[in-house]
């Protein structure tokens, strides 16, 4: 049986990115891993996944959860660094 860590190790995402996707989609982390891995290989996948993180940042700001905002901003920074096509 595969563990969550096994799945994270086989995909193109960090554990923090997977947690952000799971939070946004309100699904277990293992499902978020599958969803994100599928999306990343579609033409609209990278912008969609970036938007998910940005929406979570906005929600955390509305909730005044600044620690979570900080963490999500680091996740976004890392995601954008891995996907330079976002800046084109």
PDB file of N, CA and C in Angstrom:
ATOM      1  N   UNK A   1       0.841  -1.172   0.000  1.00  0.00           N
ATOM      2  CA  UNK A   1       0.000   0.000   0.000  1.00  0.00           C
ATOM      3  C   UNK A   1       0.892   1.242   0.000  1.00  0.00           C
ATOM      4  N   UNK A   2       0.509   2.230  -0.797  1.00  0.00           N
ATOM      5  CA  UNK A   2       1.247   3.483  -0.850  1.00  0.00           C
ATOM      6  C   UNK A   2       0.812   4.408   0.279  1.00  0.00           C
ATOM      7  N   UNK A   3       1.780   5.086   0.840  1.00  0.00           N
ATOM      8  CA  UNK A   3       1.483   6.082   1.861  1.00  0.00           C
ATOM      9  C   UNK A   3       1.406   7.458   1.197  1.00  0.00           C
ATOM     10  N   UNK A   4       0.923   8.426   1.939  1.00  0.00           N
ATOM     11  CA  UNK A   4       0.908   9.800   1.440  1.00  0.00           C
ATOM     12  C   UNK A   4       2.315  10.229   1.068  1.00  0.00           C
ATOM     13  N   UNK A   5       3.285   9.916   1.904  1.00  0.00           N
ATOM     14  CA  UNK A   5       4.664  10.312   1.615  1.00  0.00           C
ATOM     15  C   UNK A   5       5.164   9.671   0.333  1.00  0.00           C
ATOM     16  N   UNK A   6       4.805   8.409   0.077  1.00  0.00           N
ATOM     17  CA  UNK A   6       5.175   7.755  -1.177  1.00  0.00           C
ATOM     18  C   UNK A   6       4.638   8.538  -2.369  1.00  0.00           C
ATOM     19  N   UNK A   7       3.383   8.954  -2.276  1.00  0.00           N
ATOM     20  CA  UNK A   7       2.749   9.698  -3.368  1.00  0.00           C
ATOM     21  C   UNK A   7       3.380  11.069  -3.555  1.00  0.00           C
ATOM     22  N   UNK A   8       3.662  11.753  -2.458  1.00  0.00           N
ATOM     23  CA  UNK A   8       4.315  13.068  -2.534  1.00  0.00           C
ATOM     24  C   UNK A   8       5.691  12.916  -3.180  1.00  0.00           C
ATOM     25  N   UNK A   9       6.415  11.871  -2.812  1.00  0.00           N
ATOM     26  CA  UNK A   9       7.747  11.640  -3.365  1.00  0.00           C
ATOM     27  C   UNK A   9       7.712  11.384  -4.872  1.00  0.00           C
ATOM     28  N   UNK A  10       6.608  10.863  -5.373  1.00  0.00           N
ATOM     29  CA  UNK A  10       6.497  10.532  -6.799  1.00  0.00           C
ATOM     30  C   UNK A  10       5.912  11.668  -7.642  1.00  0.00           C
ATOM     31  N   UNK A  11       5.487  12.745  -7.014  1.00  0.00           N
ATOM     32  CA  UNK A  11       4.851  13.804  -7.788  1.00  0.00           C
ATOM     33  C   UNK A  11       5.745  15.039  -7.868  1.00  0.00           C
ATOM     34  N   UNK A  12       5.238  16.057  -8.524  1.00  0.00           N
ATOM     35  CA  UNK A  12       6.001  17.280  -8.779  1.00  0.00           C
ATOM     36  C   UNK A  12       5.773  18.358  -7.728  1.00  0.00           C
ATOM     37  N   UNK A  13       5.369  17.981  -6.525  1.00  0.00           N
ATOM     38  CA  UNK A  13       4.977  18.960  -5.520  1.00  0.00           C
ATOM     39  C   UNK A  13       5.646  18.684  -4.187  1.00  0.00           C
ATOM     40  N   UNK A  14       5.755  19.752  -3.400  1.00  0.00           N
ATOM     41  CA  UNK A  14       6.220  19.592  -2.029  1.00  0.00           C
ATOM     42  C   UNK A  14       5.032  19.210  -1.151  1.00  0.00           C
ATOM     43  N   UNK A  15       5.325  18.747   0.014  1.00  0.00           N
ATOM     44  CA  UNK A  15       4.245  18.407   0.949  1.00  0.00           C
ATOM     45  C   UNK A  15       3.412  19.646   1.294  1.00  0.00           C
ATOM     46  N   UNK A  16       4.067  20.792   1.454  1.00  0.00           N
ATOM     47  CA  UNK A  16       3.333  22.024   1.759  1.00  0.00           C
ATOM     48  C   UNK A  16       2.403  22.425   0.616  1.00  0.00           C
ATOM     49  N   UNK A  17       2.845  22.235  -0.624  1.00  0.00           N
ATOM     50  CA  UNK A  17       1.972  22.526  -1.763  1.00  0.00           C
ATOM     51  C   UNK A  17       0.757  21.605  -1.749  1.00  0.00           C
ATOM     52  N   UNK A  18       0.990  20.344  -1.474  1.00  0.00           N
ATOM     53  CA  UNK A  18      -0.119  19.382  -1.408  1.00  0.00           C
ATOM     54  C   UNK A  18      -1.088  19.782  -0.305  1.00  0.00           C
ATOM     55  N   UNK A  19      -0.576  20.192   0.851  1.00  0.00           N
ATOM     56  CA  UNK A  19      -1.448  20.607   1.953  1.00  0.00           C
ATOM     57  C   UNK A  19      -2.286  21.827   1.552  1.00  0.00           C
ATOM     58  N   UNK A  20      -1.680  22.750   0.808  1.00  0.00           N
ATOM     59  CA  UNK A  20      -2.422  23.926   0.350  1.00  0.00           C
ATOM     60  C   UNK A  20      -3.529  23.520  -0.623  1.00  0.00           C
ATOM     61  N   UNK A  21      -3.237  22.596  -1.532  1.00  0.00           N
ATOM     62  CA  UNK A  21      -4.251  22.144  -2.477  1.00  0.00           C
ATOM     63  C   UNK A  21      -5.369  21.410  -1.750  1.00  0.00           C
ATOM     64  N   UNK A  22      -5.009  20.598  -0.770  1.00  0.00           N
ATOM     65  CA  UNK A  22      -6.015  19.875   0.012  1.00  0.00           C
ATOM     66  C   UNK A  22      -6.917  20.843   0.759  1.00  0.00           C
ATOM     67  N   UNK A  23      -6.314  21.872   1.327  1.00  0.00           N
ATOM     68  CA  UNK A  23      -7.085  22.886   2.043  1.00  0.00           C
ATOM     69  C   UNK A  23      -8.070  23.572   1.104  1.00  0.00           C
ATOM     70  N   UNK A  24      -7.585  23.942  -0.062  1.00  0.00           N
ATOM     71  CA  UNK A  24      -8.437  24.667  -1.014  1.00  0.00           C
ATOM     72  C   UNK A  24      -9.602  23.815  -1.496  1.00  0.00           C
ATOM     73  N   UNK A  25      -9.330  22.570  -1.798  1.00  0.00           N
ATOM     74  CA  UNK A  25     -10.347  21.685  -2.362  1.00  0.00           C
ATOM     75  C   UNK A  25     -11.155  20.935  -1.303  1.00  0.00           C
ATOM     76  N   UNK A  26     -10.767  21.085  -0.036  1.00  0.00           N
ATOM     77  CA  UNK A  26     -11.456  20.408   1.070  1.00  0.00           C
ATOM     78  C   UNK A  26     -11.497  18.892   0.863  1.00  0.00           C
ATOM     79  N   UNK A  27     -10.322  18.359   0.512  1.00  0.00           N
ATOM     80  CA  UNK A  27     -10.188  16.918   0.299  1.00  0.00           C
ATOM     81  C   UNK A  27      -8.994  16.414   1.092  1.00  0.00           C
ATOM     82  N   UNK A  28      -8.934  15.112   1.337  1.00  0.00           N
ATOM     83  CA  UNK A  28      -7.755  14.542   2.006  1.00  0.00           C
ATOM     84  C   UNK A  28      -6.489  14.777   1.158  1.00  0.00           C
ATOM     85  N   UNK A  29      -5.363  14.796   1.819  1.00  0.00           N
ATOM     86  CA  UNK A  29      -4.094  15.078   1.155  1.00  0.00           C
ATOM     87  C   UNK A  29      -3.806  14.108   0.010  1.00  0.00           C
ATOM     88  N   UNK A  30      -4.143  12.855   0.176  1.00  0.00           N
ATOM     89  CA  UNK A  30      -3.873  11.870  -0.873  1.00  0.00           C
ATOM     90  C   UNK A  30      -4.665  12.195  -2.133  1.00  0.00           C
ATOM     91  N   UNK A  31      -5.883  12.656  -1.976  1.00  0.00           N
ATOM     92  CA  UNK A  31      -6.705  13.056  -3.124  1.00  0.00           C
ATOM     93  C   UNK A  31      -6.131  14.330  -3.743  1.00  0.00           C
ATOM     94  N   UNK A  32      -5.689  15.255  -2.907  1.00  0.00           N
ATOM     95  CA  UNK A  32      -5.075  16.493  -3.407  1.00  0.00           C
ATOM     96  C   UNK A  32      -3.822  16.181  -4.219  1.00  0.00           C
ATOM     97  N   UNK A  33      -3.066  15.192  -3.800  1.00  0.00           N
ATOM     98  CA  UNK A  33      -1.871  14.791  -4.535  1.00  0.00           C
ATOM     99  C   UNK A  33      -2.249  14.328  -5.936  1.00  0.00           C
ATOM    100  N   UNK A  34      -3.256  13.487  -6.016  1.00  0.00           N
ATOM    101  CA  UNK A  34      -3.704  12.985  -7.318  1.00  0.00           C
ATOM    102  C   UNK A  34      -4.238  14.113  -8.192  1.00  0.00           C
ATOM    103  N   UNK A  35      -5.056  14.971  -7.615  1.00  0.00           N
ATOM    104  CA  UNK A  35      -5.646  16.089  -8.353  1.00  0.00           C
ATOM    105  C   UNK A  35      -4.563  17.037  -8.870  1.00  0.00           C
ATOM    106  N   UNK A  36      -3.652  17.415  -8.001  1.00  0.00           N
ATOM    107  CA  UNK A  36      -2.586  18.343  -8.394  1.00  0.00           C
ATOM    108  C   UNK A  36      -1.694  17.726  -9.462  1.00  0.00           C
ATOM    109  N   UNK A  37      -1.371  16.468  -9.309  1.00  0.00           N
ATOM    110  CA  UNK A  37      -0.514  15.799 -10.300  1.00  0.00           C
ATOM    111  C   UNK A  37      -1.220  15.733 -11.659  1.00  0.00           C
ATOM    112  N   UNK A  38      -2.505  15.498 -11.654  1.00  0.00           N
ATOM    113  CA  UNK A  38      -3.269  15.514 -12.905  1.00  0.00           C
ATOM    114  C   UNK A  38      -3.270  16.929 -13.509  1.00  0.00           C
ATOM    115  N   UNK A  39      -3.621  17.917 -12.685  1.00  0.00           N
ATOM    116  CA  UNK A  39      -3.743  19.286 -13.189  1.00  0.00           C
ATOM    117  C   UNK A  39      -2.439  19.838 -13.750  1.00  0.00           C
ATOM    118  N   UNK A  40      -1.331  19.508 -13.123  1.00  0.00           N
ATOM    119  CA  UNK A  40      -0.050  20.082 -13.527  1.00  0.00           C
ATOM    120  C   UNK A  40       0.311  19.698 -14.965  1.00  0.00           C
ATOM    121  N   UNK A  41      -0.282  18.606 -15.441  1.00  0.00           N
ATOM    122  CA  UNK A  41       0.010  18.127 -16.788  1.00  0.00           C
ATOM    123  C   UNK A  41      -1.048  18.540 -17.810  1.00  0.00           C
ATOM    124  N   UNK A  42      -1.894  19.487 -17.434  1.00  0.00           N
ATOM    125  CA  UNK A  42      -2.875  20.029 -18.368  1.00  0.00           C
ATOM    126  C   UNK A  42      -2.457  21.459 -18.712  1.00  0.00           C
ATOM    127  N   UNK A  43      -2.911  21.993 -19.844  1.00  0.00           N
ATOM    128  CA  UNK A  43      -2.505  23.357 -20.226  1.00  0.00           C
ATOM    129  C   UNK A  43      -2.882  24.420 -19.193  1.00  0.00           C
ATOM    130  N   UNK A  44      -4.001  24.269 -18.541  1.00  0.00           N
ATOM    131  CA  UNK A  44      -4.441  25.278 -17.567  1.00  0.00           C
ATOM    132  C   UNK A  44      -4.012  24.955 -16.136  1.00  0.00           C
ATOM    133  N   UNK A  45      -3.331  23.849 -15.928  1.00  0.00           N
ATOM    134  CA  UNK A  45      -3.024  23.368 -14.590  1.00  0.00           C
ATOM    135  C   UNK A  45      -2.193  24.294 -13.718  1.00  0.00           C
ATOM    136  N   UNK A  46      -1.096  24.803 -14.241  1.00  0.00           N
ATOM    137  CA  UNK A  46      -0.219  25.654 -13.428  1.00  0.00           C
ATOM    138  C   UNK A  46      -0.948  26.921 -12.974  1.00  0.00           C
ATOM    139  N   UNK A  47      -1.619  27.653 -13.878  1.00  0.00           N
ATOM    140  CA  UNK A  47      -2.347  28.842 -13.406  1.00  0.00           C
ATOM    141  C   UNK A  47      -3.472  28.506 -12.423  1.00  0.00           C
ATOM    142  N   UNK A  48      -4.142  27.393 -12.614  1.00  0.00           N
ATOM    143  CA  UNK A  48      -5.215  26.996 -11.689  1.00  0.00           C
ATOM    144  C   UNK A  48      -4.642  26.725 -10.309  1.00  0.00           C
ATOM    145  N   UNK A  49      -3.558  25.978 -10.253  1.00  0.00           N
ATOM    146  CA  UNK A  49      -2.960  25.646  -8.960  1.00  0.00           C
ATOM    147  C   UNK A  49      -2.417  26.896  -8.271  1.00  0.00           C
ATOM    148  N   UNK A  50      -1.858  27.819  -9.045  1.00  0.00           N
ATOM    149  CA  UNK A  50      -1.404  29.093  -8.455  1.00  0.00           C
ATOM    150  C   UNK A  50      -2.597  29.855  -7.877  1.00  0.00           C
ATOM    151  N   UNK A  51      -3.700  29.886  -8.622  1.00  0.00           N
ATOM    152  CA  UNK A  51      -4.894  30.580  -8.147  1.00  0.00           C
ATOM    153  C   UNK A  51      -5.414  29.962  -6.850  1.00  0.00           C
ATOM    154  N   UNK A  52      -5.363  28.635  -6.733  1.00  0.00           N
ATOM    155  CA  UNK A  52      -5.791  27.978  -5.494  1.00  0.00           C
ATOM    156  C   UNK A  52      -5.010  28.529  -4.301  1.00  0.00           C
ATOM    157  N   UNK A  53      -3.698  28.597  -4.454  1.00  0.00           N
ATOM    158  CA  UNK A  53      -2.864  29.075  -3.346  1.00  0.00           C
ATOM    159  C   UNK A  53      -3.195  30.532  -3.034  1.00  0.00           C
ATOM    160  N   UNK A  54      -3.361  31.341  -4.071  1.00  0.00           N
ATOM    161  CA  UNK A  54      -3.665  32.762  -3.869  1.00  0.00           C
ATOM    162  C   UNK A  54      -5.023  32.948  -3.182  1.00  0.00           C
ATOM    163  N   UNK A  55      -5.991  32.128  -3.535  1.00  0.00           N
ATOM    164  CA  UNK A  55      -7.306  32.209  -2.890  1.00  0.00           C
ATOM    165  C   UNK A  55      -7.205  31.830  -1.413  1.00  0.00           C
ATOM    166  N   UNK A  56      -6.391  30.814  -1.106  1.00  0.00           N
ATOM    167  CA  UNK A  56      -6.196  30.420   0.295  1.00  0.00           C
ATOM    168  C   UNK A  56      -5.508  31.528   1.088  1.00  0.00           C
ATOM    169  N   UNK A  57      -4.578  32.229   0.450  1.00  0.00           N
ATOM    170  CA  UNK A  57      -3.914  33.360   1.111  1.00  0.00           C
ATOM    171  C   UNK A  57      -4.949  34.433   1.436  1.00  0.00           C
ATOM    172  N   UNK A  58      -5.816  34.734   0.492  1.00  0.00           N
ATOM    173  CA  UNK A  58      -6.849  35.753   0.720  1.00  0.00           C
ATOM    174  C   UNK A  58      -7.772  35.357   1.869  1.00  0.00           C
ATOM    175  N   UNK A  59      -8.146  34.102   1.936  1.00  0.00           N
ATOM    176  CA  UNK A  59      -9.016  33.622   3.021  1.00  0.00           C
ATOM    177  C   UNK A  59      -8.295  33.735   4.361  1.00  0.00           C
ATOM    178  N   UNK A  60      -7.031  33.338   4.383  1.00  0.00           N
ATOM    179  CA  UNK A  60      -6.259  33.432   5.632  1.00  0.00           C
ATOM    180  C   UNK A  60      -6.122  34.887   6.086  1.00  0.00           C
ATOM    181  N   UNK A  61      -5.979  35.805   5.138  1.00  0.00           N
ATOM    182  CA  UNK A  61      -5.905  37.231   5.480  1.00  0.00           C
ATOM    183  C   UNK A  61      -7.239  37.705   6.059  1.00  0.00           C
ATOM    184  N   UNK A  62      -8.342  37.303   5.447  1.00  0.00           N
ATOM    185  CA  UNK A  62      -9.669  37.676   5.955  1.00  0.00           C
ATOM    186  C   UNK A  62      -9.882  37.177   7.380  1.00  0.00           C
ATOM    187  N   UNK A  63      -9.300  36.003   7.661  1.00  0.00           N
ATOM    188  CA  UNK A  63      -9.418  35.403   8.991  1.00  0.00           C
ATOM    189  C   UNK A  63      -8.365  35.932   9.966  1.00  0.00           C
ATOM    190  N   UNK A  64      -7.530  36.859   9.497  1.00  0.00           N
ATOM    191  CA  UNK A  64      -6.421  37.382  10.308  1.00  0.00           C
ATOM    192  C   UNK A  64      -5.506  36.277  10.826  1.00  0.00           C
ATOM    193  N   UNK A  65      -5.337  35.239  10.010  1.00  0.00           N
ATOM    194  CA  UNK A  65      -4.462  34.123  10.359  1.00  0.00           C
ATOM    195  C   UNK A  65      -3.108  34.369   9.696  1.00  0.00           C
ATOM    196  N   UNK A  66      -2.339  35.279  10.285  1.00  0.00           N
ATOM    197  CA  UNK A  66      -1.106  35.757   9.662  1.00  0.00           C
ATOM    198  C   UNK A  66      -0.024  34.693   9.596  1.00  0.00           C
ATOM    199  N   UNK A  67      -0.017  33.786  10.526  1.00  0.00           N
ATOM    200  CA  UNK A  67       0.962  32.693  10.472  1.00  0.00           C
ATOM    201  C   UNK A  67       0.695  31.823   9.241  1.00  0.00           C
ATOM    202  N   UNK A  68      -0.573  31.548   8.984  1.00  0.00           N
ATOM    203  CA  UNK A  68      -0.940  30.749   7.817  1.00  0.00           C
ATOM    204  C   UNK A  68      -0.676  31.530   6.522  1.00  0.00           C
ATOM    205  N   UNK A  69      -0.932  32.832   6.542  1.00  0.00           N
ATOM    206  CA  UNK A  69      -0.634  33.672   5.378  1.00  0.00           C
ATOM    207  C   UNK A  69       0.845  33.548   5.037  1.00  0.00           C
ATOM    208  N   UNK A  70       1.691  33.661   6.038  1.00  0.00           N
ATOM    209  CA  UNK A  70       3.134  33.565   5.834  1.00  0.00           C
ATOM    210  C   UNK A  70       3.515  32.236   5.211  1.00  0.00           C
ATOM    211  N   UNK A  71       2.960  31.161   5.748  1.00  0.00           N
ATOM    212  CA  UNK A  71       3.278  29.821   5.233  1.00  0.00           C
ATOM    213  C   UNK A  71       2.813  29.689   3.785  1.00  0.00           C
ATOM    214  N   UNK A  72       1.595  30.129   3.498  1.00  0.00           N
ATOM    215  CA  UNK A  72       1.070  30.015   2.141  1.00  0.00           C
ATOM    216  C   UNK A  72       1.831  30.900   1.163  1.00  0.00           C
ATOM    217  N   UNK A  73       2.288  32.056   1.624  1.00  0.00           N
ATOM    218  CA  UNK A  73       3.085  32.913   0.747  1.00  0.00           C
ATOM    219  C   UNK A  73       4.411  32.248   0.391  1.00  0.00           C
ATOM    220  N   UNK A  74       4.981  31.508   1.326  1.00  0.00           N
ATOM    221  CA  UNK A  74       6.208  30.750   1.031  1.00  0.00           C
ATOM    222  C   UNK A  74       5.914  29.626   0.038  1.00  0.00           C
ATOM    223  N   UNK A  75       4.775  28.971   0.212  1.00  0.00           N
ATOM    224  CA  UNK A  75       4.368  27.922  -0.726  1.00  0.00           C
ATOM    225  C   UNK A  75       4.210  28.518  -2.123  1.00  0.00           C
ATOM    226  N   UNK A  76       3.550  29.671  -2.210  1.00  0.00           N
ATOM    227  CA  UNK A  76       3.344  30.335  -3.500  1.00  0.00           C
ATOM    228  C   UNK A  76       4.685  30.730  -4.127  1.00  0.00           C
ATOM    229  N   UNK A  77       5.565  31.273  -3.334  1.00  0.00           N
ATOM    230  CA  UNK A  77       6.886  31.682  -3.834  1.00  0.00           C
ATOM    231  C   UNK A  77       7.621  30.477  -4.413  1.00  0.00           C
ATOM    232  N   UNK A  78       7.595  29.372  -3.711  1.00  0.00           N
ATOM    233  CA  UNK A  78       8.262  28.153  -4.174  1.00  0.00           C
ATOM    234  C   UNK A  78       7.603  27.627  -5.451  1.00  0.00           C
ATOM    235  N   UNK A  79       6.271  27.638  -5.484  1.00  0.00           N
ATOM    236  CA  UNK A  79       5.531  27.149  -6.646  1.00  0.00           C
ATOM    237  C   UNK A  79       5.866  27.981  -7.886  1.00  0.00           C
ATOM    238  N   UNK A  80       5.899  29.295  -7.729  1.00  0.00           N
ATOM    239  CA  UNK A  80       6.219  30.179  -8.859  1.00  0.00           C
ATOM    240  C   UNK A  80       7.668  29.967  -9.316  1.00  0.00           C
ATOM    241  N   UNK A  81       8.571  29.756  -8.375  1.00  0.00           N
ATOM    242  CA  UNK A  81       9.971  29.510  -8.725  1.00  0.00           C
ATOM    243  C   UNK A  81      10.117  28.225  -9.543  1.00  0.00           C
ATOM    244  N   UNK A  82       9.301  27.233  -9.234  1.00  0.00           N
ATOM    245  CA  UNK A  82       9.349  25.964  -9.969  1.00  0.00           C
ATOM    246  C   UNK A  82       8.669  26.069 -11.326  1.00  0.00           C
ATOM    247  N   UNK A  83       7.839  27.081 -11.498  1.00  0.00           N
ATOM    248  CA  UNK A  83       7.060  27.228 -12.731  1.00  0.00           C
ATOM    249  C   UNK A  83       7.249  28.636 -13.293  1.00  0.00           C
ATOM    250  N   UNK A  84       8.436  28.891 -13.876  1.00  0.00           N
ATOM    251  CA  UNK A  84       8.725  30.228 -14.383  1.00  0.00           C
ATOM    252  C   UNK A  84       7.789  30.674 -15.510  1.00  0.00           C
ATOM    253  N   UNK A  85       7.086  29.746 -16.123  1.00  0.00           N
ATOM    254  CA  UNK A  85       6.142  30.117 -17.174  1.00  0.00           C
ATOM    255  C   UNK A  85       5.016  30.995 -16.639  1.00  0.00           C
ATOM    256  N   UNK A  86       4.850  31.054 -15.333  1.00  0.00           N
ATOM    257  CA  UNK A  86       3.831  31.894 -14.731  1.00  0.00           C
ATOM    258  C   UNK A  86       4.141  33.377 -14.902  1.00  0.00           C
ATOM    259  N   UNK A  87       5.400  33.712 -15.065  1.00  0.00           N
ATOM    260  CA  UNK A  87       5.793  35.115 -15.161  1.00  0.00           C
ATOM    261  C   UNK A  87       5.787  35.623 -16.601  1.00  0.00           C
ATOM    262  N   UNK A  88       5.471  34.770 -17.537  1.00  0.00           N
ATOM    263  CA  UNK A  88       5.463  35.180 -18.957  1.00  0.00           C
ATOM    264  C   UNK A  88       4.171  35.818 -19.329  1.00  0.00           C
TER     265      UNK A  88
END
